[in-house]
PDB file of N, CA and C in Angstrom:
ATOM      1  N   MET A   1      -2.208  -0.007  14.807  1.00  0.00           N
ATOM      2  CA  MET A   1      -1.273   0.886  14.166  1.00  0.00           C
ATOM      3  C   MET A   1       0.004   0.129  13.837  1.00  0.00           C
ATOM      4  N   LEU A   2       0.558   0.449  12.695  1.00  0.00           N
ATOM      5  CA  LEU A   2       1.814  -0.152  12.264  1.00  0.00           C
ATOM      6  C   LEU A   2       2.844   0.946  12.017  1.00  0.00           C
ATOM      7  N   THR A   3       4.081   0.682  12.369  1.00  0.00           N
ATOM      8  CA  THR A   3       5.176   1.573  11.985  1.00  0.00           C
ATOM      9  C   THR A   3       5.551   1.241  10.538  1.00  0.00           C
ATOM     10  N   THR A   4       6.426   2.026   9.978  1.00  0.00           N
ATOM     11  CA  THR A   4       6.880   1.755   8.613  1.00  0.00           C
ATOM     12  C   THR A   4       7.547   0.379   8.533  1.00  0.00           C
ATOM     13  N   SER A   5       8.371   0.058   9.498  1.00  0.00           N
ATOM     14  CA  SER A   5       9.047  -1.241   9.517  1.00  0.00           C
ATOM     15  C   SER A   5       8.047  -2.383   9.658  1.00  0.00           C
ATOM     16  N   GLU A   6       7.061  -2.199  10.521  1.00  0.00           N
ATOM     17  CA  GLU A   6       6.039  -3.236  10.704  1.00  0.00           C
ATOM     18  C   GLU A   6       5.196  -3.406   9.445  1.00  0.00           C
ATOM     19  N   LEU A   7       4.878  -2.295   8.784  1.00  0.00           N
ATOM     20  CA  LEU A   7       4.113  -2.359   7.540  1.00  0.00           C
ATOM     21  C   LEU A   7       4.895  -3.103   6.469  1.00  0.00           C
ATOM     22  N   ALA A   8       6.170  -2.789   6.358  1.00  0.00           N
ATOM     23  CA  ALA A   8       7.010  -3.478   5.372  1.00  0.00           C
ATOM     24  C   ALA A   8       7.046  -4.973   5.655  1.00  0.00           C
ATOM     25  N   ALA A   9       7.203  -5.359   6.907  1.00  0.00           N
ATOM     26  CA  ALA A   9       7.211  -6.783   7.271  1.00  0.00           C
ATOM     27  C   ALA A   9       5.863  -7.412   6.989  1.00  0.00           C
ATOM     28  N   HIS A  10       4.786  -6.697   7.290  1.00  0.00           N
ATOM     29  CA  HIS A  10       3.424  -7.196   7.057  1.00  0.00           C
ATOM     30  C   HIS A  10       3.185  -7.481   5.572  1.00  0.00           C
ATOM     31  N   LEU A  11       3.715  -6.613   4.719  1.00  0.00           N
ATOM     32  CA  LEU A  11       3.532  -6.766   3.270  1.00  0.00           C
ATOM     33  C   LEU A  11       4.615  -7.624   2.629  1.00  0.00           C
ATOM     34  N   GLY A  12       5.691  -7.885   3.373  1.00  0.00           N
ATOM     35  CA  GLY A  12       6.784  -8.688   2.826  1.00  0.00           C
ATOM     36  C   GLY A  12       7.615  -7.943   1.798  1.00  0.00           C
ATOM     37  N   VAL A  13       7.796  -6.651   2.028  1.00  0.00           N
ATOM     38  CA  VAL A  13       8.583  -5.826   1.116  1.00  0.00           C
ATOM     39  C   VAL A  13       9.644  -5.073   1.923  1.00  0.00           C
ATOM     40  N   PRO A  14      10.690  -4.573   1.260  1.00  0.00           N
ATOM     41  CA  PRO A  14      11.688  -3.773   1.971  1.00  0.00           C
ATOM     42  C   PRO A  14      11.082  -2.453   2.468  1.00  0.00           C
ATOM     43  N   VAL A  15      11.643  -1.923   3.529  1.00  0.00           N
ATOM     44  CA  VAL A  15      11.201  -0.631   4.073  1.00  0.00           C
ATOM     45  C   VAL A  15      11.299   0.446   2.994  1.00  0.00           C
ATOM     46  N   GLN A  16      12.336   0.383   2.165  1.00  0.00           N
ATOM     47  CA  GLN A  16      12.504   1.380   1.106  1.00  0.00           C
ATOM     48  C   GLN A  16      11.305   1.403   0.166  1.00  0.00           C
ATOM     49  N   THR A  17      10.686   0.274  -0.070  1.00  0.00           N
ATOM     50  CA  THR A  17       9.499   0.229  -0.929  1.00  0.00           C
ATOM     51  C   THR A  17       8.377   1.064  -0.324  1.00  0.00           C
ATOM     52  N   ILE A  18       8.205   0.980   0.984  1.00  0.00           N
ATOM     53  CA  ILE A  18       7.173   1.782   1.650  1.00  0.00           C
ATOM     54  C   ILE A  18       7.498   3.265   1.505  1.00  0.00           C
ATOM     55  N   HIS A  19       8.762   3.627   1.698  1.00  0.00           N
ATOM     56  CA  HIS A  19       9.177   5.027   1.523  1.00  0.00           C
ATOM     57  C   HIS A  19       8.922   5.486   0.088  1.00  0.00           C
ATOM     58  N   ASP A  20       9.267   4.652  -0.880  1.00  0.00           N
ATOM     59  CA  ASP A  20       9.077   5.003  -2.292  1.00  0.00           C
ATOM     60  C   ASP A  20       7.590   5.177  -2.622  1.00  0.00           C
ATOM     61  N   LEU A  21       6.757   4.273  -2.132  1.00  0.00           N
ATOM     62  CA  LEU A  21       5.314   4.374  -2.378  1.00  0.00           C
ATOM     63  C   LEU A  21       4.741   5.645  -1.764  1.00  0.00           C
ATOM     64  N   ARG A  22       5.177   5.945  -0.558  1.00  0.00           N
ATOM     65  CA  ARG A  22       4.683   7.157   0.109  1.00  0.00           C
ATOM     66  C   ARG A  22       5.123   8.398  -0.659  1.00  0.00           C
ATOM     67  N   HIS A  23       6.374   8.436  -1.079  1.00  0.00           N
ATOM     68  CA  HIS A  23       6.895   9.583  -1.828  1.00  0.00           C
ATOM     69  C   HIS A  23       6.130   9.773  -3.139  1.00  0.00           C
ATOM     70  N   ALA A  24       5.725   8.676  -3.774  1.00  0.00           N
ATOM     71  CA  ALA A  24       4.996   8.733  -5.046  1.00  0.00           C
ATOM     72  C   ALA A  24       3.488   8.890  -4.839  1.00  0.00           C
ATOM     73  N   HIS A  25       3.050   9.018  -3.578  1.00  0.00           N
ATOM     74  CA  HIS A  25       1.628   9.144  -3.242  1.00  0.00           C
ATOM     75  C   HIS A  25       0.829   7.945  -3.743  1.00  0.00           C
ATOM     76  N   ARG A  26       1.438   6.760  -3.665  1.00  0.00           N
ATOM     77  CA  ARG A  26       0.777   5.534  -4.127  1.00  0.00           C
ATOM     78  C   ARG A  26       0.597   4.518  -3.002  1.00  0.00           C
ATOM     79  N   GLY A  27       1.042   4.848  -1.811  1.00  0.00           N
ATOM     80  CA  GLY A  27       0.962   3.920  -0.691  1.00  0.00           C
ATOM     81  C   GLY A  27      -0.263   4.164   0.160  1.00  0.00           C
ATOM     82  N   PRO A  28      -0.410   3.386   1.225  1.00  0.00           N
ATOM     83  CA  PRO A  28      -1.542   3.589   2.133  1.00  0.00           C
ATOM     84  C   PRO A  28      -1.385   4.909   2.890  1.00  0.00           C
ATOM     85  N   ARG A  29      -2.511   5.477   3.284  1.00  0.00           N
ATOM     86  CA  ARG A  29      -2.466   6.722   4.050  1.00  0.00           C
ATOM     87  C   ARG A  29      -1.831   6.477   5.406  1.00  0.00           C
ATOM     88  N   GLY A  30      -0.999   7.381   5.793  1.00  0.00           N
ATOM     89  CA  GLY A  30      -0.357   7.301   7.092  1.00  0.00           C
ATOM     90  C   GLY A  30      -0.308   8.673   7.725  1.00  0.00           C
ATOM     91  N   PHE A  31       0.187   8.734   8.943  1.00  0.00           N
ATOM     92  CA  PHE A  31       0.305  10.008   9.639  1.00  0.00           C
ATOM     93  C   PHE A  31       1.506   9.943  10.572  1.00  0.00           C
ATOM     94  N   ARG A  32       2.015  11.094  10.893  1.00  0.00           N
ATOM     95  CA  ARG A  32       3.212  11.175  11.725  1.00  0.00           C
ATOM     96  C   ARG A  32       2.838  11.203  13.204  1.00  0.00           C
ATOM     97  N   VAL A  33       3.615  10.466  13.965  1.00  0.00           N
ATOM     98  CA  VAL A  33       3.604  10.561  15.420  1.00  0.00           C
ATOM     99  C   VAL A  33       5.048  10.885  15.772  1.00  0.00           C
ATOM    100  N   GLY A  34       5.298  12.151  16.045  1.00  0.00           N
ATOM    101  CA  GLY A  34       6.677  12.592  16.213  1.00  0.00           C
ATOM    102  C   GLY A  34       7.386  12.502  14.873  1.00  0.00           C
ATOM    103  N   ARG A  35       8.471  11.746  14.838  1.00  0.00           N
ATOM    104  CA  ARG A  35       9.238  11.601  13.597  1.00  0.00           C
ATOM    105  C   ARG A  35       8.882  10.328  12.835  1.00  0.00           C
ATOM    106  N   GLU A  36       8.097   9.474  13.430  1.00  0.00           N
ATOM    107  CA  GLU A  36       7.793   8.156  12.849  1.00  0.00           C
ATOM    108  C   GLU A  36       6.410   8.150  12.200  1.00  0.00           C
ATOM    109  N   MET A  37       6.308   7.504  11.053  1.00  0.00           N
ATOM    110  CA  MET A  37       5.012   7.331  10.394  1.00  0.00           C
ATOM    111  C   MET A  37       4.263   6.182  11.062  1.00  0.00           C
ATOM    112  N   ARG A  38       2.955   6.305  11.095  1.00  0.00           N
ATOM    113  CA  ARG A  38       2.078   5.239  11.585  1.00  0.00           C
ATOM    114  C   ARG A  38       1.004   5.001  10.531  1.00  0.00           C
ATOM    115  N   TYR A  39       0.591   3.751  10.423  1.00  0.00           N
ATOM    116  CA  TYR A  39      -0.420   3.355   9.444  1.00  0.00           C
ATOM    117  C   TYR A  39      -1.495   2.558  10.160  1.00  0.00           C
ATOM    118  N   ARG A  40      -2.739   2.972   9.997  1.00  0.00           N
ATOM    119  CA  ARG A  40      -3.858   2.206  10.557  1.00  0.00           C
ATOM    120  C   ARG A  40      -4.018   0.934   9.729  1.00  0.00           C
ATOM    121  N   LEU A  41      -4.222  -0.174  10.403  1.00  0.00           N
ATOM    122  CA  LEU A  41      -4.392  -1.441   9.698  1.00  0.00           C
ATOM    123  C   LEU A  41      -5.600  -1.376   8.760  1.00  0.00           C
ATOM    124  N   SER A  42      -6.649  -0.669   9.160  1.00  0.00           N
ATOM    125  CA  SER A  42      -7.830  -0.536   8.297  1.00  0.00           C
ATOM    126  C   SER A  42      -7.482   0.201   7.003  1.00  0.00           C
ATOM    127  N   GLU A  43      -6.598   1.216   7.072  1.00  0.00           N
ATOM    128  CA  GLU A  43      -6.171   1.944   5.872  1.00  0.00           C
ATOM    129  C   GLU A  43      -5.330   1.047   4.967  1.00  0.00           C
ATOM    130  N   VAL A  44      -4.474   0.237   5.586  1.00  0.00           N
ATOM    131  CA  VAL A  44      -3.641  -0.691   4.818  1.00  0.00           C
ATOM    132  C   VAL A  44      -4.533  -1.706   4.105  1.00  0.00           C
ATOM    133  N   GLN A  45      -5.521  -2.237   4.800  1.00  0.00           N
ATOM    134  CA  GLN A  45      -6.425  -3.213   4.196  1.00  0.00           C
ATOM    135  C   GLN A  45      -7.206  -2.595   3.044  1.00  0.00           C
ATOM    136  N   ALA A  46      -7.691  -1.365   3.222  1.00  0.00           N
ATOM    137  CA  ALA A  46      -8.428  -0.684   2.148  1.00  0.00           C
ATOM    138  C   ALA A  46      -7.521  -0.447   0.945  1.00  0.00           C
ATOM    139  N   TRP A  47      -6.270  -0.081   1.183  1.00  0.00           N
ATOM    140  CA  TRP A  47      -5.310   0.152   0.105  1.00  0.00           C
ATOM    141  C   TRP A  47      -5.038  -1.141  -0.663  1.00  0.00           C
ATOM    142  N   VAL A  48      -4.842  -2.243   0.063  1.00  0.00           N
ATOM    143  CA  VAL A  48      -4.604  -3.541  -0.579  1.00  0.00           C
ATOM    144  C   VAL A  48      -5.825  -3.940  -1.407  1.00  0.00           C
ATOM    145  N   GLU A  49      -7.022  -3.762  -0.865  1.00  0.00           N
ATOM    146  CA  GLU A  49      -8.249  -4.095  -1.599  1.00  0.00           C
ATOM    147  C   GLU A  49      -8.371  -3.259  -2.866  1.00  0.00           C
ATOM    148  N   ALA A  50      -8.000  -1.982  -2.797  1.00  0.00           N
ATOM    149  CA  ALA A  50      -8.054  -1.120  -3.977  1.00  0.00           C
ATOM    150  C   ALA A  50      -7.068  -1.602  -5.041  1.00  0.00           C
ATOM    151  N   MET A  51      -5.871  -2.022  -4.610  1.00  0.00           N
ATOM    152  CA  MET A  51      -4.893  -2.551  -5.567  1.00  0.00           C
ATOM    153  C   MET A  51      -5.406  -3.841  -6.198  1.00  0.00           C
ATOM    154  N   GLU A  52      -6.033  -4.694  -5.400  1.00  0.00           N
ATOM    155  CA  GLU A  52      -6.595  -5.944  -5.936  1.00  0.00           C
ATOM    156  C   GLU A  52      -7.677  -5.648  -6.958  1.00  0.00           C
ATOM    157  N   ALA A  53      -8.554  -4.692  -6.654  1.00  0.00           N
ATOM    158  CA  ALA A  53      -9.623  -4.329  -7.578  1.00  0.00           C
ATOM    159  C   ALA A  53      -9.048  -3.767  -8.874  1.00  0.00           C
ATOM    160  N   HIS A  54      -8.017  -2.950  -8.757  1.00  0.00           N
ATOM    161  CA  HIS A  54      -7.381  -2.375  -9.946  1.00  0.00           C
ATOM    162  C   HIS A  54      -6.770  -3.477 -10.806  1.00  0.00           C
ATOM    163  N   ASP A  55      -6.073  -4.419 -10.170  1.00  0.00           N
ATOM    164  CA  ASP A  55      -5.467  -5.523 -10.912  1.00  0.00           C
ATOM    165  C   ASP A  55      -6.529  -6.394 -11.566  1.00  0.00           C
ATOM    166  N   HIS A  56      -7.625  -6.625 -10.861  1.00  0.00           N
ATOM    167  CA  HIS A  56      -8.706  -7.439 -11.416  1.00  0.00           C
ATOM    168  C   HIS A  56      -9.313  -6.745 -12.634  1.00  0.00           C
ATOM    169  N   ALA A  57      -9.524  -5.436 -12.543  1.00  0.00           N
ATOM    170  CA  ALA A  57     -10.069  -4.683 -13.674  1.00  0.00           C
ATOM    171  C   ALA A  57      -9.110  -4.728 -14.855  1.00  0.00           C
ATOM    172  N   ALA A  58      -7.819  -4.623 -14.598  1.00  0.00           N
ATOM    173  CA  ALA A  58      -6.820  -4.688 -15.679  1.00  0.00           C
ATOM    174  C   ALA A  58      -6.830  -6.064 -16.326  1.00  0.00           C
ATOM    175  N   ASP A  59      -6.992  -7.103 -15.523  1.00  0.00           N
ATOM    176  CA  ASP A  59      -7.064  -8.462 -16.063  1.00  0.00           C
ATOM    177  C   ASP A  59      -8.271  -8.627 -16.971  1.00  0.00           C
ATOM    178  N   LEU A  60      -9.403  -8.022 -16.592  1.00  0.00           N
ATOM    179  CA  LEU A  60     -10.606  -8.109 -17.417  1.00  0.00           C
ATOM    180  C   LEU A  60     -10.410  -7.411 -18.752  1.00  0.00           C
ATOM    181  N   VAL A  61      -9.750  -6.254 -18.726  1.00  0.00           N
ATOM    182  CA  VAL A  61      -9.491  -5.512 -19.964  1.00  0.00           C
ATOM    183  C   VAL A  61      -8.569  -6.319 -20.867  1.00  0.00           C
ATOM    184  N   GLU A  62      -7.543  -6.917 -20.296  1.00  0.00           N
ATOM    185  CA  GLU A  62      -6.613  -7.725 -21.098  1.00  0.00           C
ATOM    186  C   GLU A  62      -7.299  -8.938 -21.710  1.00  0.00           C
ATOM    187  N   SER A  63      -8.244  -9.538 -20.999  1.00  0.00           N
ATOM    188  CA  SER A  63      -8.901 -10.734 -21.521  1.00  0.00           C
ATOM    189  C   SER A  63      -9.892 -10.392 -22.635  1.00  0.00           C
ATOM    190  N   VAL A  64     -10.366  -9.141 -22.689  1.00  0.00           N
ATOM    191  CA  VAL A  64     -11.309  -8.720 -23.709  1.00  0.00           C
ATOM    192  C   VAL A  64     -10.606  -8.139 -24.924  1.00  0.00           C
ATOM    193  N   THR A  65      -9.439  -7.564 -24.719  1.00  0.00           N
ATOM    194  CA  THR A  65      -8.696  -6.921 -25.799  1.00  0.00           C
ATOM    195  C   THR A  65      -8.109  -7.993 -26.733  1.00  0.00           C
ATOM    196  N   PRO A  66      -8.378  -7.845 -28.043  1.00  0.00           N
ATOM    197  CA  PRO A  66      -7.853  -8.851 -28.994  1.00  0.00           C
ATOM    198  C   PRO A  66      -6.361  -8.756 -29.189  1.00  0.00           C
TER     199      PRO A  66
END
């Protein structure tokens, strides 16, 4: 489990970025423990893999588009 601060450090982004992603429903799934959010490392890994797949698909479209 990662806290919001730990997740931000793990990804190398500011904590505010994690808050912004969560607010926009674009971040990894998390859940509250009291007042603090927690993120399963497996959920974070799946989210990163999904972003990589999306970027790879976009790269393929760009390489085919004249």
